[in-house]
Amino acid sequence: MPESAARRQARNSAAFWAATAESRGHEVVRRRGFLAAVGDERAGTRFLLQEPDLDADELAELTGLARGASGPVDAEDPFSATDLGHLGMRNWQMPVMVREPGPVAAPAMEVVRVHKPQELQDAERMVIGGFGLGRFEPYRPGEMFPDALLEQPGVDVFLAVLDGEPAGACVTVVDEGIGSHYWVGTPDTFRSRGVGRAVMLGSLAPLADLRVTLTASKLGRPLYESLGYTALAESTWWASN
């Protein structure tokens, strides 16, 4: 089960980052063992490991792409099997969590599925603020979440609204019958007010009949466990210094 959970997360993450890169007009490199979203000096380059056994050629190509990247470099290895220490990157582990199909409670505040450009910009700002993404500052509307992202198959963006103000956001992706969550973010101003739970519930409702995965931060794990997620594997994340 741990490897199957890792593989499901690997495939869905690859679908999400390919959709993100294509919506931004960035290059996508697809190999058996990894997918790379090759971005610019602000977006950076992200690698999604797809197999636990990269061969020498794949590792050499990944290394070359990382060393030639014009911005930050990040890598996700849900199998925790590939050592990227030679790239001088820091690493940490986060659990891959899985939720089986089941009913979803109603959120305690308004959560909307994003359709309008202004809503998408609001969601973008919530994620940039919630994750402290300094690489996207100063803010340029549509740089992280271009309008074209909403046209990517299986991709949806959700926005939580509290007292009439945008308060949190997330992205969901459905690929090969599996759902997953990304960028579940709430800026400091709205934390400890139930926004994270609300945006998760609102975005889980359309996925209630699917198995759903995510990779959890230490702070997010208790929330996800309370929503029925179980940790089944450890994913290693790498980031340039």
Protein backbone atom coordinates (compact mmCIF):
# COMPACT_ATOMS: atom_id res chain seq x y z
CA MET A 1 0.00 0.00 0.00
CA PRO A 2 2.72 2.60 0.78
CA GLU A 3 4.25 2.28 -2.70
CA SER A 4 0.84 2.43 -4.41
CA ALA A 5 0.01 5.60 -2.42
CA ALA A 6 3.36 7.07 -3.44
CA ARG A 7 2.75 6.18 -7.07
CA ARG A 8 -0.73 7.72 -7.04
CA GLN A 9 0.67 10.93 -5.59
CA ALA A 10 3.54 10.90 -8.09
CA ARG A 11 1.20 10.62 -11.06
CA ASN A 12 -1.21 13.28 -9.84
CA SER A 13 1.58 15.72 -8.95
CA ALA A 14 3.02 15.27 -12.42
CA ALA A 15 -0.39 16.04 -13.95
CA PHE A 16 -0.72 19.17 -11.80
CA TRP A 17 2.72 20.56 -12.52
CA ALA A 18 2.46 19.77 -16.23
CA ALA A 19 -0.85 21.66 -16.33
CA THR A 20 0.68 24.55 -14.40
CA ALA A 21 3.73 24.75 -16.66
CA GLU A 22 1.65 24.55 -19.84
CA SER A 23 -0.69 27.28 -18.62
CA ARG A 24 2.35 29.49 -18.02
CA GLY A 25 3.88 28.69 -21.41
CA HIS A 26 6.81 26.86 -19.81
CA GLU A 27 8.55 23.71 -21.04
CA VAL A 28 7.53 20.27 -19.77
CA VAL A 29 10.06 17.42 -19.97
CA ARG A 30 8.54 13.93 -19.64
CA ARG A 31 10.68 10.87 -18.97
CA ARG A 32 9.92 7.43 -17.55
CA GLY A 33 11.45 8.29 -14.19
CA PHE A 34 10.58 11.98 -13.81
CA LEU A 35 8.64 14.95 -15.11
CA ALA A 36 10.20 18.40 -15.11
CA ALA A 37 8.35 21.71 -15.29
CA VAL A 38 11.07 24.07 -16.51
CA GLY A 39 10.20 27.63 -15.54
CA ASP A 40 11.80 31.05 -15.47
CA GLU A 41 13.84 32.85 -12.82
CA ARG A 42 10.75 33.48 -10.63
CA ALA A 43 8.66 30.34 -11.10
CA GLY A 44 11.70 28.07 -11.00
CA THR A 45 12.01 24.45 -12.10
CA ARG A 46 10.22 21.56 -10.40
CA PHE A 47 10.95 17.86 -10.73
CA LEU A 48 8.33 15.20 -9.98
CA LEU A 49 9.93 11.79 -9.49
CA GLN A 50 7.73 9.15 -11.13
CA GLU A 51 9.63 5.96 -10.32
CA PRO A 52 11.83 4.81 -7.43
CA ASP A 53 14.59 3.60 -9.78
CA LEU A 54 15.90 6.40 -12.00
CA ASP A 55 18.55 5.04 -14.35
CA ALA A 56 21.91 6.72 -14.91
CA ASP A 57 20.76 8.59 -18.02
CA GLU A 58 17.66 9.95 -16.30
CA LEU A 59 19.62 11.08 -13.25
CA ALA A 60 22.22 12.73 -15.49
CA GLU A 61 19.51 14.57 -17.44
CA LEU A 62 17.76 15.70 -14.26
CA THR A 63 21.10 16.91 -12.90
CA GLY A 64 21.79 18.88 -16.07
CA LEU A 65 18.36 20.51 -16.02
CA ALA A 66 18.74 21.43 -12.34
CA ARG A 67 22.19 22.93 -12.80
CA GLY A 68 21.03 24.88 -15.84
CA ALA A 69 17.86 26.22 -14.20
CA SER A 70 17.44 29.99 -14.26
CA GLY A 71 15.52 30.13 -10.97
CA PRO A 72 14.83 28.11 -7.80
CA VAL A 73 14.82 24.30 -8.08
CA ASP A 74 12.39 22.03 -6.22
CA ALA A 75 11.90 18.28 -6.41
CA GLU A 76 9.31 15.88 -5.01
CA ASP A 77 10.14 12.20 -4.51
CA PRO A 78 7.09 10.37 -3.08
CA PHE A 79 9.16 7.15 -3.03
CA SER A 80 12.01 8.71 -0.97
CA ALA A 81 14.36 6.66 -3.13
CA THR A 82 16.51 9.09 -5.14
CA ASP A 83 19.41 10.98 -3.54
CA LEU A 84 19.73 14.50 -4.95
CA GLY A 85 22.29 15.58 -2.38
CA HIS A 86 24.91 16.11 -5.11
CA LEU A 87 22.91 19.17 -6.20
CA GLY A 88 23.53 20.91 -2.87
CA MET A 89 19.80 20.99 -2.07
CA ARG A 90 18.23 20.82 1.37
CA ASN A 91 15.63 18.10 1.97
CA TRP A 92 12.84 17.18 4.37
CA GLN A 93 10.06 14.62 4.54
CA MET A 94 6.30 14.97 4.52
CA PRO A 95 3.63 12.27 4.64
CA VAL A 96 1.62 11.22 1.61
CA MET A 97 -1.95 10.97 2.89
CA VAL A 98 -4.94 9.21 1.33
CA ARG A 99 -8.67 9.67 1.90
CA GLU A 100 -11.06 6.96 0.77
CA PRO A 101 -14.40 7.91 -0.86
CA GLY A 102 -16.96 9.10 1.64
CA PRO A 103 -19.38 11.86 2.63
CA VAL A 104 -18.09 15.40 3.13
CA ALA A 105 -19.57 17.90 5.61
CA ALA A 106 -20.61 21.38 4.51
CA PRO A 107 -18.05 24.15 5.09
CA ALA A 108 -18.76 26.78 7.75
CA MET A 109 -18.18 29.64 5.29
CA GLU A 110 -18.62 30.32 1.59
CA VAL A 111 -16.29 28.37 -0.69
CA VAL A 112 -16.57 29.04 -4.42
CA ARG A 113 -15.19 27.19 -7.39
CA VAL A 114 -13.24 29.84 -9.26
CA HIS A 115 -14.48 30.86 -12.72
CA LYS A 116 -13.78 34.60 -12.95
CA PRO A 117 -10.37 36.27 -13.48
CA GLN A 118 -10.74 38.36 -10.30
CA GLU A 119 -11.54 35.26 -8.24
CA LEU A 120 -8.45 33.57 -9.67
CA GLN A 121 -6.30 36.55 -8.72
CA ASP A 122 -7.78 36.49 -5.22
CA ALA A 123 -6.92 32.79 -4.92
CA GLU A 124 -3.44 33.47 -6.26
CA ARG A 125 -2.83 36.14 -3.63
CA MET A 126 -4.11 33.84 -0.87
CA VAL A 127 -1.65 31.12 -1.87
CA ILE A 128 1.31 33.48 -2.29
CA GLY A 129 0.60 34.99 1.13
CA GLY A 130 -0.24 31.71 2.80
CA PHE A 131 2.97 30.02 1.69
CA GLY A 132 5.21 33.09 1.90
CA LEU A 133 6.20 32.70 -1.76
CA GLY A 134 8.67 35.55 -2.01
CA ARG A 135 9.67 34.39 -5.47
CA PHE A 136 6.38 35.87 -6.74
CA GLU A 137 6.95 39.27 -5.14
CA PRO A 138 6.43 41.97 -6.23
CA TYR A 139 3.06 40.56 -7.19
CA ARG A 140 2.22 40.21 -10.88
CA PRO A 141 -1.41 39.16 -11.46
CA GLY A 142 -1.71 35.87 -13.30
CA GLU A 143 1.94 34.88 -13.00
CA MET A 144 1.41 31.98 -10.60
CA PHE A 145 -2.16 31.12 -11.66
CA PRO A 146 -2.66 32.22 -15.31
CA ASP A 147 -6.24 32.29 -16.62
CA ALA A 148 -5.27 29.34 -18.83
CA LEU A 149 -4.89 27.15 -15.71
CA LEU A 150 -8.69 26.97 -15.44
CA GLU A 151 -8.82 25.51 -18.96
CA GLN A 152 -6.55 22.58 -18.06
CA PRO A 153 -8.46 19.26 -17.85
CA GLY A 154 -9.16 18.13 -14.30
CA VAL A 155 -7.90 21.32 -12.64
CA ASP A 156 -10.11 23.40 -10.33
CA VAL A 157 -9.30 26.34 -8.06
CA PHE A 158 -11.34 27.07 -4.92
CA LEU A 159 -11.60 30.27 -2.88
CA ALA A 160 -12.87 30.62 0.70
CA VAL A 161 -14.66 33.87 1.54
CA LEU A 162 -14.97 35.09 5.14
CA ASP A 163 -16.98 38.21 5.98
CA GLY A 164 -16.96 39.17 2.30
CA GLU A 165 -13.18 38.93 1.95
CA PRO A 166 -10.99 36.29 0.25
CA ALA A 167 -9.49 34.25 3.10
CA GLY A 168 -7.96 31.06 1.67
CA ALA A 169 -7.61 28.97 -1.44
CA CYS A 170 -6.54 25.64 -2.87
CA VAL A 171 -6.22 23.76 -6.15
CA THR A 172 -7.58 20.29 -6.89
CA VAL A 173 -6.60 17.98 -9.72
CA VAL A 174 -8.40 14.84 -10.91
CA ASP A 175 -6.27 12.55 -13.07
CA GLU A 176 -6.84 8.89 -13.88
CA GLY A 177 -9.74 8.75 -11.42
CA ILE A 178 -7.68 10.03 -8.45
CA GLY A 179 -8.08 13.46 -6.88
CA SER A 180 -5.45 15.49 -5.06
CA HIS A 181 -5.06 18.85 -3.34
CA TYR A 182 -2.35 21.48 -3.81
CA TRP A 183 -1.59 24.93 -2.42
CA VAL A 184 -4.04 24.78 0.50
CA GLY A 185 -3.16 28.25 1.77
CA THR A 186 -4.42 30.84 4.25
CA PRO A 187 -2.60 34.15 4.91
CA ASP A 188 -1.65 34.93 8.52
CA THR A 189 -4.52 37.42 8.86
CA PHE A 190 -7.13 34.67 8.51
CA ARG A 191 -5.45 31.79 10.36
CA SER A 192 -7.10 30.03 13.32
CA ARG A 193 -10.54 30.99 12.01
CA GLY A 194 -11.48 27.72 10.33
CA VAL A 195 -10.56 28.83 6.82
CA GLY A 196 -8.31 25.88 6.04
CA ARG A 197 -10.99 23.39 7.08
CA ALA A 198 -13.62 25.26 5.10
CA VAL A 199 -11.64 25.39 1.87
CA MET A 200 -10.78 21.70 2.23
CA LEU A 201 -14.42 20.74 2.78
CA GLY A 202 -15.66 22.92 -0.07
CA SER A 203 -13.13 21.49 -2.50
CA LEU A 204 -13.56 17.90 -1.27
CA ALA A 205 -17.30 17.88 -1.93
CA PRO A 206 -16.94 17.40 -5.74
CA LEU A 207 -14.40 14.62 -5.04
CA ALA A 208 -16.45 12.73 -2.45
CA ASP A 209 -16.76 9.63 -4.66
CA LEU A 210 -13.01 9.46 -5.41
CA ARG A 211 -9.91 8.34 -3.58
CA VAL A 212 -8.02 11.57 -2.80
CA THR A 213 -4.35 12.12 -1.97
CA LEU A 214 -2.20 14.97 -0.74
CA THR A 215 1.22 15.63 0.75
CA ALA A 216 0.88 17.20 4.18
CA SER A 217 2.98 19.70 6.08
CA LYS A 218 3.52 19.10 9.81
CA LEU A 219 1.05 21.90 10.62
CA GLY A 220 -1.55 20.64 8.15
CA ARG A 221 -1.49 16.97 9.11
CA PRO A 222 -3.92 17.18 12.10
CA LEU A 223 -6.51 18.94 9.93
CA TYR A 224 -6.23 16.32 7.19
CA GLU A 225 -6.46 13.47 9.70
CA SER A 226 -9.66 15.01 11.07
CA LEU A 227 -11.06 14.97 7.52
CA GLY A 228 -10.43 11.24 7.11
CA TYR A 229 -6.94 11.18 5.59
CA THR A 230 -4.41 8.51 6.60
CA ALA A 231 -0.64 8.78 6.18
CA LEU A 232 0.59 5.87 4.04
CA ALA A 233 4.04 6.90 2.75
CA GLU A 234 6.83 9.42 3.32
CA SER A 235 7.70 11.80 0.50
CA THR A 236 11.11 13.49 0.35
CA TRP A 237 11.13 17.08 -0.89
CA TRP A 238 14.24 18.84 -2.09
CA ALA A 239 14.82 22.57 -2.59
CA SER A 240 17.73 24.71 -3.72
CA ASN A 241 19.28 26.89 -1.05
